[in-house]
Amino acid sequence: MHGVYIKFYLTESQRHGSKLLYEWILEKAKQLGLPGGSVFRAVAGFGRHGHLHSDTFFELSGELPMQVEFVVSSVHAEKLIVAMNDEKIKLPYVSYSVEYGVTGD
């Protein structure tokens, strides 16, 4: 099958309302019918502002980089982007075409 790989970049403490942002994204994706998604925490990283975030710096607790990613149809990816835009959520992301499936079928 052909679809879209979409990955959002955020930090672990970012919130949307009273929820952690990565939890909000996963819950919204589930509500929209996306078949699944994952959240990954990075060991270290830096973004467009050049600040290094690392799990070795105590003062940056809660600021580790995270990625929320999905492999979905282009329709599902667009629904998620629209929902995030409607909520005024500003996050960097990447998206590209992929082929995916399940082995053993």
N, C-alpha and C. Protein backbone atom coordinates (compact mmCIF):
# COMPACT_ATOMS: atom_id res chain seq x y z
N MET A 1 0.85 -1.18 0.00
CA MET A 1 0.00 0.00 0.00
C MET A 1 0.89 1.24 0.00
N HIS A 2 0.35 2.30 -0.54
CA HIS A 2 1.06 3.57 -0.55
C HIS A 2 0.40 4.53 0.42
N GLY A 3 1.23 5.28 1.11
CA GLY A 3 0.71 6.20 2.09
C GLY A 3 1.71 7.30 2.40
N VAL A 4 1.60 7.83 3.61
CA VAL A 4 2.41 8.96 4.05
C VAL A 4 3.03 8.63 5.40
N TYR A 5 4.30 8.94 5.52
CA TYR A 5 4.98 8.90 6.82
C TYR A 5 5.02 10.35 7.29
N ILE A 6 4.44 10.61 8.47
CA ILE A 6 4.43 11.97 9.00
C ILE A 6 4.96 11.95 10.43
N LYS A 7 5.87 12.87 10.70
CA LYS A 7 6.52 12.94 12.01
C LYS A 7 6.49 14.37 12.51
N PHE A 8 6.03 14.54 13.75
CA PHE A 8 5.98 15.84 14.41
C PHE A 8 7.09 15.92 15.45
N TYR A 9 7.71 17.09 15.58
CA TYR A 9 8.79 17.31 16.54
C TYR A 9 8.30 18.22 17.66
N LEU A 10 8.54 17.80 18.90
CA LEU A 10 8.12 18.58 20.05
C LEU A 10 9.01 18.24 21.24
N THR A 11 8.75 18.82 22.38
CA THR A 11 9.47 18.45 23.60
C THR A 11 8.50 17.77 24.55
N GLU A 12 9.04 17.01 25.48
CA GLU A 12 8.19 16.17 26.33
C GLU A 12 7.27 16.94 27.24
N SER A 13 7.57 18.18 27.56
CA SER A 13 6.72 18.93 28.48
C SER A 13 5.69 19.83 27.78
N GLN A 14 5.71 19.90 26.46
CA GLN A 14 4.76 20.76 25.75
C GLN A 14 3.34 20.30 26.02
N ARG A 15 2.46 21.26 26.19
CA ARG A 15 1.07 20.96 26.52
C ARG A 15 0.12 21.62 25.53
N HIS A 16 -1.06 21.04 25.43
CA HIS A 16 -2.17 21.65 24.72
C HIS A 16 -3.34 21.61 25.69
N GLY A 17 -3.68 22.76 26.23
CA GLY A 17 -4.67 22.80 27.29
C GLY A 17 -4.10 22.10 28.51
N SER A 18 -4.85 21.17 29.06
CA SER A 18 -4.40 20.47 30.26
C SER A 18 -3.66 19.16 29.96
N LYS A 19 -3.50 18.82 28.68
CA LYS A 19 -2.88 17.55 28.30
C LYS A 19 -1.46 17.75 27.78
N LEU A 20 -0.64 16.74 27.98
CA LEU A 20 0.65 16.73 27.30
C LEU A 20 0.36 16.67 25.80
N LEU A 21 1.10 17.44 25.03
CA LEU A 21 0.81 17.57 23.61
C LEU A 21 0.91 16.24 22.87
N TYR A 22 1.91 15.42 23.21
CA TYR A 22 2.03 14.15 22.50
C TYR A 22 0.83 13.25 22.78
N GLU A 23 0.28 13.32 24.00
CA GLU A 23 -0.93 12.54 24.31
C GLU A 23 -2.13 13.09 23.53
N TRP A 24 -2.24 14.41 23.45
CA TRP A 24 -3.34 15.02 22.69
C TRP A 24 -3.28 14.58 21.23
N ILE A 25 -2.07 14.60 20.64
CA ILE A 25 -1.93 14.21 19.23
C ILE A 25 -2.37 12.76 19.03
N LEU A 26 -1.91 11.86 19.90
CA LEU A 26 -2.30 10.46 19.76
C LEU A 26 -3.81 10.28 19.92
N GLU A 27 -4.40 10.95 20.90
CA GLU A 27 -5.84 10.83 21.12
C GLU A 27 -6.62 11.39 19.94
N LYS A 28 -6.19 12.52 19.40
CA LYS A 28 -6.87 13.11 18.24
C LYS A 28 -6.74 12.19 17.03
N ALA A 29 -5.56 11.62 16.84
CA ALA A 29 -5.36 10.69 15.73
C ALA A 29 -6.30 9.49 15.84
N LYS A 30 -6.44 8.97 17.03
CA LYS A 30 -7.35 7.84 17.25
C LYS A 30 -8.79 8.24 16.95
N GLN A 31 -9.21 9.43 17.41
CA GLN A 31 -10.56 9.93 17.14
C GLN A 31 -10.82 10.07 15.64
N LEU A 32 -9.77 10.46 14.90
CA LEU A 32 -9.89 10.66 13.45
C LEU A 32 -9.81 9.36 12.66
N GLY A 33 -9.58 8.24 13.35
CA GLY A 33 -9.56 6.94 12.68
C GLY A 33 -8.22 6.51 12.15
N LEU A 34 -7.13 7.19 12.54
CA LEU A 34 -5.82 6.74 12.12
C LEU A 34 -5.55 5.36 12.73
N PRO A 35 -4.89 4.47 12.00
CA PRO A 35 -4.73 3.10 12.48
C PRO A 35 -3.67 2.91 13.57
N GLY A 36 -2.88 3.91 13.86
CA GLY A 36 -1.87 3.78 14.90
C GLY A 36 -0.84 4.88 14.81
N GLY A 37 -0.09 5.04 15.89
CA GLY A 37 0.96 6.04 15.93
C GLY A 37 1.88 5.73 17.09
N SER A 38 3.05 6.33 17.09
CA SER A 38 4.04 6.09 18.14
C SER A 38 4.70 7.38 18.56
N VAL A 39 5.18 7.38 19.82
CA VAL A 39 5.92 8.51 20.37
C VAL A 39 7.29 8.00 20.78
N PHE A 40 8.32 8.74 20.41
CA PHE A 40 9.70 8.39 20.75
C PHE A 40 10.37 9.57 21.42
N ARG A 41 11.13 9.28 22.47
CA ARG A 41 11.90 10.31 23.17
C ARG A 41 13.35 10.20 22.71
N ALA A 42 13.93 11.33 22.36
CA ALA A 42 15.32 11.36 21.92
C ALA A 42 16.26 11.48 23.12
N VAL A 43 17.48 11.04 22.95
CA VAL A 43 18.52 11.19 23.97
C VAL A 43 19.02 12.62 24.00
N ALA A 44 19.11 13.23 22.82
CA ALA A 44 19.58 14.62 22.72
C ALA A 44 19.16 15.17 21.37
N GLY A 45 19.17 16.48 21.26
CA GLY A 45 18.86 17.12 20.00
C GLY A 45 18.84 18.62 20.14
N PHE A 46 18.77 19.31 18.99
CA PHE A 46 18.60 20.75 19.00
C PHE A 46 17.68 21.11 17.84
N GLY A 47 17.00 22.23 17.99
CA GLY A 47 16.05 22.66 16.98
C GLY A 47 16.46 23.95 16.33
N ARG A 48 15.49 24.62 15.75
CA ARG A 48 15.78 25.83 14.96
C ARG A 48 16.37 26.96 15.78
N HIS A 49 16.21 26.93 17.11
CA HIS A 49 16.78 27.97 17.96
C HIS A 49 18.19 27.64 18.43
N GLY A 50 18.67 26.44 18.14
CA GLY A 50 20.03 26.07 18.45
C GLY A 50 20.30 25.63 19.88
N HIS A 51 19.28 25.52 20.71
CA HIS A 51 19.47 25.09 22.09
C HIS A 51 19.60 23.57 22.15
N LEU A 52 20.67 23.10 22.78
CA LEU A 52 20.87 21.66 22.93
C LEU A 52 20.01 21.14 24.07
N HIS A 53 19.23 20.12 23.79
CA HIS A 53 18.41 19.46 24.80
C HIS A 53 18.99 18.06 24.96
N SER A 54 19.33 17.70 26.19
CA SER A 54 19.97 16.42 26.45
C SER A 54 19.54 15.88 27.79
N ASP A 55 19.49 14.57 27.93
CA ASP A 55 19.09 13.99 29.21
C ASP A 55 20.22 14.06 30.24
N THR A 56 21.37 14.61 29.87
CA THR A 56 22.47 14.73 30.82
C THR A 56 22.45 16.06 31.56
N PHE A 57 21.62 17.00 31.11
CA PHE A 57 21.54 18.30 31.76
C PHE A 57 20.31 18.33 32.65
N PHE A 58 20.52 18.36 33.96
CA PHE A 58 19.41 18.35 34.91
C PHE A 58 18.45 19.52 34.69
N GLU A 59 19.00 20.70 34.39
CA GLU A 59 18.15 21.87 34.26
C GLU A 59 17.23 21.81 33.05
N LEU A 60 17.44 20.89 32.14
CA LEU A 60 16.57 20.76 30.98
C LEU A 60 15.55 19.63 31.17
N SER A 61 15.35 19.21 32.40
CA SER A 61 14.37 18.18 32.67
C SER A 61 13.02 18.57 32.08
N GLY A 62 12.41 17.64 31.36
CA GLY A 62 11.13 17.91 30.72
C GLY A 62 11.24 18.53 29.34
N GLU A 63 12.46 18.78 28.88
CA GLU A 63 12.65 19.42 27.59
C GLU A 63 13.31 18.51 26.56
N LEU A 64 13.33 17.21 26.82
CA LEU A 64 13.92 16.31 25.84
C LEU A 64 13.11 16.32 24.55
N PRO A 65 13.79 16.23 23.41
CA PRO A 65 13.07 16.19 22.14
C PRO A 65 12.25 14.91 22.04
N MET A 66 11.10 15.04 21.41
CA MET A 66 10.23 13.89 21.17
C MET A 66 9.75 13.93 19.73
N GLN A 67 9.36 12.75 19.25
CA GLN A 67 8.79 12.63 17.91
C GLN A 67 7.51 11.83 18.02
N VAL A 68 6.47 12.32 17.36
CA VAL A 68 5.21 11.58 17.25
C VAL A 68 5.07 11.25 15.78
N GLU A 69 4.94 9.95 15.46
CA GLU A 69 4.95 9.58 14.05
C GLU A 69 3.85 8.59 13.69
N PHE A 70 3.48 8.67 12.42
CA PHE A 70 2.41 7.85 11.87
C PHE A 70 2.78 7.42 10.46
N VAL A 71 2.34 6.23 10.06
CA VAL A 71 2.37 5.79 8.68
C VAL A 71 0.91 5.52 8.33
N VAL A 72 0.36 6.38 7.48
CA VAL A 72 -1.08 6.40 7.24
C VAL A 72 -1.38 6.75 5.78
N SER A 73 -2.65 6.71 5.42
CA SER A 73 -3.07 7.18 4.11
C SER A 73 -2.91 8.70 4.05
N SER A 74 -2.83 9.23 2.85
CA SER A 74 -2.70 10.68 2.71
C SER A 74 -3.95 11.39 3.24
N VAL A 75 -5.11 10.74 3.16
CA VAL A 75 -6.35 11.31 3.69
C VAL A 75 -6.26 11.45 5.21
N HIS A 76 -5.77 10.40 5.89
CA HIS A 76 -5.62 10.47 7.34
C HIS A 76 -4.60 11.53 7.75
N ALA A 77 -3.49 11.61 7.03
CA ALA A 77 -2.46 12.62 7.34
C ALA A 77 -3.05 14.02 7.22
N GLU A 78 -3.81 14.26 6.17
CA GLU A 78 -4.41 15.58 5.97
C GLU A 78 -5.42 15.90 7.07
N LYS A 79 -6.22 14.91 7.49
CA LYS A 79 -7.18 15.13 8.58
C LYS A 79 -6.47 15.55 9.86
N LEU A 80 -5.33 14.91 10.16
CA LEU A 80 -4.59 15.24 11.37
C LEU A 80 -4.00 16.65 11.29
N ILE A 81 -3.43 17.00 10.15
CA ILE A 81 -2.88 18.34 9.97
C ILE A 81 -3.97 19.39 10.12
N VAL A 82 -5.12 19.16 9.52
CA VAL A 82 -6.23 20.11 9.62
C VAL A 82 -6.68 20.26 11.08
N ALA A 83 -6.79 19.15 11.81
CA ALA A 83 -7.20 19.20 13.21
C ALA A 83 -6.21 20.01 14.04
N MET A 84 -4.91 19.82 13.77
CA MET A 84 -3.90 20.57 14.51
C MET A 84 -3.93 22.05 14.14
N ASN A 85 -4.14 22.35 12.88
CA ASN A 85 -4.27 23.75 12.46
C ASN A 85 -5.49 24.40 13.11
N ASP A 86 -6.60 23.67 13.17
CA ASP A 86 -7.81 24.20 13.80
C ASP A 86 -7.59 24.54 15.27
N GLU A 87 -6.73 23.79 15.93
CA GLU A 87 -6.41 24.01 17.35
C GLU A 87 -5.26 25.01 17.53
N LYS A 88 -4.74 25.55 16.43
CA LYS A 88 -3.64 26.53 16.46
C LYS A 88 -2.36 25.93 17.05
N ILE A 89 -2.15 24.64 16.82
CA ILE A 89 -0.94 23.97 17.29
C ILE A 89 0.15 24.18 16.25
N LYS A 90 1.27 24.77 16.67
CA LYS A 90 2.39 25.04 15.76
C LYS A 90 3.53 24.09 16.10
N LEU A 91 3.80 23.15 15.20
CA LEU A 91 4.90 22.20 15.38
C LEU A 91 5.60 21.98 14.05
N PRO A 92 6.91 21.83 14.08
CA PRO A 92 7.60 21.42 12.86
C PRO A 92 7.27 19.95 12.58
N TYR A 93 7.20 19.59 11.29
CA TYR A 93 6.95 18.21 10.93
C TYR A 93 7.58 17.90 9.58
N VAL A 94 7.73 16.62 9.31
CA VAL A 94 8.14 16.14 8.00
C VAL A 94 7.09 15.14 7.54
N SER A 95 6.95 15.06 6.24
CA SER A 95 5.99 14.13 5.65
C SER A 95 6.53 13.71 4.29
N TYR A 96 6.46 12.41 4.03
CA TYR A 96 6.86 11.94 2.71
C TYR A 96 6.15 10.65 2.36
N SER A 97 6.10 10.37 1.08
CA SER A 97 5.41 9.19 0.57
C SER A 97 6.18 7.93 0.91
N VAL A 98 5.44 6.89 1.29
CA VAL A 98 6.05 5.61 1.62
C VAL A 98 5.18 4.48 1.08
N GLU A 99 5.78 3.32 0.98
CA GLU A 99 5.05 2.10 0.71
C GLU A 99 5.10 1.29 2.00
N TYR A 100 3.96 0.73 2.39
CA TYR A 100 3.92 -0.02 3.64
C TYR A 100 2.99 -1.23 3.50
N GLY A 101 3.14 -2.14 4.42
CA GLY A 101 2.30 -3.34 4.41
C GLY A 101 2.59 -4.18 5.62
N VAL A 102 2.14 -5.41 5.59
CA VAL A 102 2.35 -6.36 6.68
C VAL A 102 2.94 -7.62 6.07
N THR A 103 4.00 -8.12 6.66
CA THR A 103 4.61 -9.35 6.16
C THR A 103 3.70 -10.54 6.46
N GLY A 104 3.84 -11.58 5.70
CA GLY A 104 3.09 -12.80 5.94
C GLY A 104 1.70 -12.81 5.31
N ASP A 105 1.31 -11.73 4.62
CA ASP A 105 -0.01 -11.71 3.99
C ASP A 105 0.04 -12.40 2.63
